[in-house]
Every structure is written in C-alpha cells, then in structure tokens.
Amino acid sequence: METEIVPGVTLDRSVAFGKPVVAGTRLPVAQILGQLAEGHSEAEIRREYDLTPEQIQAALRYAAWLADQETVRVRAG
C-alpha cells in the first residue's frame, strides 16, 4: 500500500525496501539527497535519473519535513 509522506514522496513497503521514494518511481529520496550533498548539480541529477525540477524539490521538501520531526537533545559535559 502506497502512502504519500509529503507531496511528491511516497512510501510503499514493497518498493525500495520500504524507503521513501520519488512518487511514480522506484528512486529512493536518499539517493537524490546524497547526490546533492556530494555537490552534484540539480541539472546533473535530473539528467541521470530523468527527473523533473518538481521531483527534486519533493526530495528536498521531504528532507526539510524529516529534519523538523527530529528532536535532538545535547548533554552538557
């Protein structure tokens, strides 16, 4: 069963080992984010995976949503 996590990003336990993917593909969002983190341009990623600008933005939107969900506690010491 496919569930939309944020617009353009879905989760389906039977696709990509249950990792979030770009909607309509089997491409894990982590793959796109990793490429961006390594310094690849959006244009390079779009060509490599045949994505639209909106699909790249969806991956970034998911990363922002995920970061907002996280609570980090730092111990002094």
N, C-alpha and C. Protein backbone atom coordinates (compact mmCIF):
# COMPACT_ATOMS: atom_id res chain seq x y z
N MET A 1 0.85 -1.19 0.00
CA MET A 1 0.00 0.00 0.00
C MET A 1 0.89 1.24 0.00
N GLU A 2 0.68 2.11 -0.95
CA GLU A 2 1.47 3.32 -1.10
C GLU A 2 0.87 4.46 -0.27
N THR A 3 1.74 5.16 0.45
CA THR A 3 1.33 6.30 1.27
C THR A 3 2.16 7.51 0.89
N GLU A 4 1.50 8.64 0.67
CA GLU A 4 2.23 9.87 0.39
C GLU A 4 2.66 10.49 1.72
N ILE A 5 3.97 10.69 1.89
CA ILE A 5 4.51 11.26 3.12
C ILE A 5 4.44 12.78 3.05
N VAL A 6 4.99 13.32 2.00
CA VAL A 6 4.87 14.74 1.65
C VAL A 6 4.55 14.77 0.17
N PRO A 7 4.04 15.87 -0.35
CA PRO A 7 3.72 15.90 -1.78
C PRO A 7 4.93 15.50 -2.64
N GLY A 8 4.74 14.46 -3.43
CA GLY A 8 5.78 14.01 -4.34
C GLY A 8 6.68 12.91 -3.80
N VAL A 9 6.49 12.51 -2.55
CA VAL A 9 7.30 11.44 -1.95
C VAL A 9 6.36 10.41 -1.35
N THR A 10 6.58 9.15 -1.72
CA THR A 10 5.71 8.08 -1.25
C THR A 10 6.51 6.99 -0.54
N LEU A 11 5.76 6.18 0.17
CA LEU A 11 6.34 5.06 0.90
C LEU A 11 5.46 3.85 0.63
N ASP A 12 6.11 2.75 0.23
CA ASP A 12 5.41 1.51 -0.02
C ASP A 12 6.35 0.39 0.43
N ARG A 13 5.92 -0.43 1.35
CA ARG A 13 6.79 -1.48 1.90
C ARG A 13 7.31 -2.43 0.83
N SER A 14 6.63 -2.51 -0.30
CA SER A 14 7.06 -3.44 -1.35
C SER A 14 7.98 -2.78 -2.39
N VAL A 15 8.30 -1.51 -2.20
CA VAL A 15 9.16 -0.79 -3.13
C VAL A 15 10.38 -0.25 -2.38
N ALA A 16 11.55 -0.46 -2.93
CA ALA A 16 12.81 0.08 -2.38
C ALA A 16 12.98 -0.26 -0.90
N PHE A 17 12.61 -1.48 -0.54
CA PHE A 17 12.76 -1.95 0.85
C PHE A 17 12.03 -1.05 1.85
N GLY A 18 10.94 -0.42 1.40
CA GLY A 18 10.14 0.42 2.29
C GLY A 18 10.71 1.80 2.54
N LYS A 19 11.71 2.20 1.77
CA LYS A 19 12.30 3.53 1.91
C LYS A 19 11.47 4.55 1.13
N PRO A 20 11.46 5.81 1.55
CA PRO A 20 10.75 6.85 0.79
C PRO A 20 11.33 6.99 -0.61
N VAL A 21 10.44 7.08 -1.59
CA VAL A 21 10.84 7.22 -2.99
C VAL A 21 10.14 8.41 -3.62
N VAL A 22 10.69 8.88 -4.72
CA VAL A 22 10.04 9.92 -5.51
C VAL A 22 8.76 9.30 -6.08
N ALA A 23 7.64 9.96 -5.88
CA ALA A 23 6.36 9.43 -6.35
C ALA A 23 6.44 9.06 -7.83
N GLY A 24 5.89 7.89 -8.14
CA GLY A 24 5.85 7.43 -9.52
C GLY A 24 7.13 6.77 -9.99
N THR A 25 8.12 6.64 -9.08
CA THR A 25 9.38 6.00 -9.43
C THR A 25 9.73 4.98 -8.36
N ARG A 26 10.85 4.33 -8.54
CA ARG A 26 11.39 3.44 -7.51
C ARG A 26 12.69 4.02 -6.96
N LEU A 27 12.90 5.32 -7.22
CA LEU A 27 14.13 6.00 -6.84
C LEU A 27 14.05 6.51 -5.40
N PRO A 28 14.91 5.99 -4.52
CA PRO A 28 14.89 6.44 -3.13
C PRO A 28 15.27 7.91 -3.01
N VAL A 29 14.56 8.61 -2.17
CA VAL A 29 14.83 10.03 -1.92
C VAL A 29 16.27 10.19 -1.42
N ALA A 30 16.73 9.26 -0.61
CA ALA A 30 18.10 9.34 -0.08
C ALA A 30 19.13 9.39 -1.20
N GLN A 31 18.86 8.74 -2.31
CA GLN A 31 19.79 8.76 -3.45
C GLN A 31 19.94 10.17 -3.98
N ILE A 32 18.82 10.87 -4.13
CA ILE A 32 18.85 12.24 -4.63
C ILE A 32 19.55 13.16 -3.63
N LEU A 33 19.18 13.03 -2.37
CA LEU A 33 19.78 13.88 -1.34
C LEU A 33 21.28 13.63 -1.24
N GLY A 34 21.68 12.39 -1.35
CA GLY A 34 23.11 12.06 -1.31
C GLY A 34 23.86 12.69 -2.46
N GLN A 35 23.27 12.65 -3.64
CA GLN A 35 23.90 13.25 -4.81
C GLN A 35 24.05 14.76 -4.62
N LEU A 36 23.00 15.40 -4.11
CA LEU A 36 23.07 16.84 -3.85
C LEU A 36 24.14 17.15 -2.80
N ALA A 37 24.20 16.35 -1.76
CA ALA A 37 25.19 16.55 -0.69
C ALA A 37 26.62 16.38 -1.20
N GLU A 38 26.81 15.54 -2.20
CA GLU A 38 28.13 15.33 -2.79
C GLU A 38 28.52 16.44 -3.76
N GLY A 39 27.59 17.37 -4.00
CA GLY A 39 27.92 18.50 -4.86
C GLY A 39 27.44 18.39 -6.29
N HIS A 40 26.70 17.33 -6.61
CA HIS A 40 26.15 17.23 -7.96
C HIS A 40 25.08 18.29 -8.16
N SER A 41 25.01 18.84 -9.33
CA SER A 41 24.01 19.87 -9.61
C SER A 41 22.64 19.24 -9.82
N GLU A 42 21.62 20.06 -9.65
CA GLU A 42 20.26 19.59 -9.90
C GLU A 42 20.12 19.13 -11.34
N ALA A 43 20.73 19.87 -12.26
CA ALA A 43 20.66 19.51 -13.68
C ALA A 43 21.29 18.14 -13.93
N GLU A 44 22.42 17.86 -13.30
CA GLU A 44 23.06 16.55 -13.46
C GLU A 44 22.16 15.43 -12.97
N ILE A 45 21.56 15.64 -11.81
CA ILE A 45 20.69 14.62 -11.21
C ILE A 45 19.45 14.42 -12.07
N ARG A 46 18.90 15.50 -12.57
CA ARG A 46 17.72 15.38 -13.43
C ARG A 46 18.04 14.57 -14.68
N ARG A 47 19.19 14.83 -15.28
CA ARG A 47 19.58 14.06 -16.47
C ARG A 47 19.83 12.60 -16.14
N GLU A 48 20.57 12.37 -15.06
CA GLU A 48 20.94 11.00 -14.67
C GLU A 48 19.72 10.11 -14.41
N TYR A 49 18.71 10.68 -13.73
CA TYR A 49 17.56 9.87 -13.32
C TYR A 49 16.27 10.22 -14.05
N ASP A 50 16.35 11.11 -15.04
CA ASP A 50 15.18 11.54 -15.81
C ASP A 50 14.08 12.08 -14.88
N LEU A 51 14.45 13.07 -14.06
CA LEU A 51 13.52 13.67 -13.11
C LEU A 51 13.14 15.08 -13.54
N THR A 52 12.08 15.58 -12.96
CA THR A 52 11.66 16.96 -13.19
C THR A 52 12.17 17.82 -12.02
N PRO A 53 12.19 19.13 -12.21
CA PRO A 53 12.56 20.01 -11.09
C PRO A 53 11.65 19.80 -9.88
N GLU A 54 10.39 19.53 -10.13
CA GLU A 54 9.44 19.32 -9.05
C GLU A 54 9.78 18.07 -8.23
N GLN A 55 10.30 17.06 -8.90
CA GLN A 55 10.67 15.83 -8.18
C GLN A 55 11.90 16.07 -7.29
N ILE A 56 12.82 16.88 -7.76
CA ILE A 56 13.98 17.23 -6.93
C ILE A 56 13.49 18.03 -5.72
N GLN A 57 12.59 18.97 -5.95
CA GLN A 57 12.04 19.77 -4.86
C GLN A 57 11.29 18.90 -3.86
N ALA A 58 10.62 17.88 -4.33
CA ALA A 58 9.91 16.97 -3.43
C ALA A 58 10.88 16.27 -2.50
N ALA A 59 12.04 15.87 -3.03
CA ALA A 59 13.06 15.23 -2.19
C ALA A 59 13.56 16.20 -1.12
N LEU A 60 13.78 17.44 -1.50
CA LEU A 60 14.23 18.45 -0.54
C LEU A 60 13.13 18.75 0.48
N ARG A 61 11.89 18.78 0.02
CA ARG A 61 10.77 19.01 0.93
C ARG A 61 10.70 17.89 1.97
N TYR A 62 10.93 16.66 1.53
CA TYR A 62 10.93 15.54 2.47
C TYR A 62 12.05 15.70 3.49
N ALA A 63 13.23 16.08 3.05
CA ALA A 63 14.36 16.27 3.97
C ALA A 63 14.04 17.34 5.00
N ALA A 64 13.42 18.43 4.57
CA ALA A 64 13.04 19.50 5.49
C ALA A 64 11.99 19.01 6.48
N TRP A 65 11.02 18.26 5.98
CA TRP A 65 9.98 17.72 6.86
C TRP A 65 10.59 16.77 7.89
N LEU A 66 11.50 15.91 7.43
CA LEU A 66 12.13 14.95 8.32
C LEU A 66 12.96 15.65 9.40
N ALA A 67 13.72 16.67 9.01
CA ALA A 67 14.52 17.44 9.98
C ALA A 67 13.62 18.11 11.00
N ASP A 68 12.45 18.55 10.59
CA ASP A 68 11.52 19.21 11.50
C ASP A 68 10.92 18.22 12.50
N GLN A 69 10.88 16.95 12.16
CA GLN A 69 10.32 15.93 13.04
C GLN A 69 11.29 15.53 14.15
N GLU A 70 12.56 15.78 13.92
CA GLU A 70 13.61 15.32 14.83
C GLU A 70 13.77 16.25 16.03
N THR A 71 13.92 15.66 17.20
CA THR A 71 14.25 16.39 18.42
C THR A 71 15.62 15.91 18.88
N VAL A 72 16.54 16.83 18.97
CA VAL A 72 17.90 16.47 19.37
C VAL A 72 18.15 17.01 20.77
N ARG A 73 18.63 16.14 21.63
CA ARG A 73 18.96 16.54 22.99
C ARG A 73 20.48 16.45 23.14
N VAL A 74 21.06 17.53 23.60
CA VAL A 74 22.51 17.57 23.79
C VAL A 74 22.80 17.65 25.28
N ARG A 75 23.65 16.77 25.72
CA ARG A 75 24.04 16.79 27.14
C ARG A 75 25.26 17.68 27.31
N ALA A 76 25.22 18.50 28.34
CA ALA A 76 26.39 19.32 28.67
C ALA A 76 27.45 18.42 29.26
N GLY A 77 28.67 18.72 28.98
CA GLY A 77 29.63 17.91 29.66
C GLY A 77 30.85 17.65 29.00
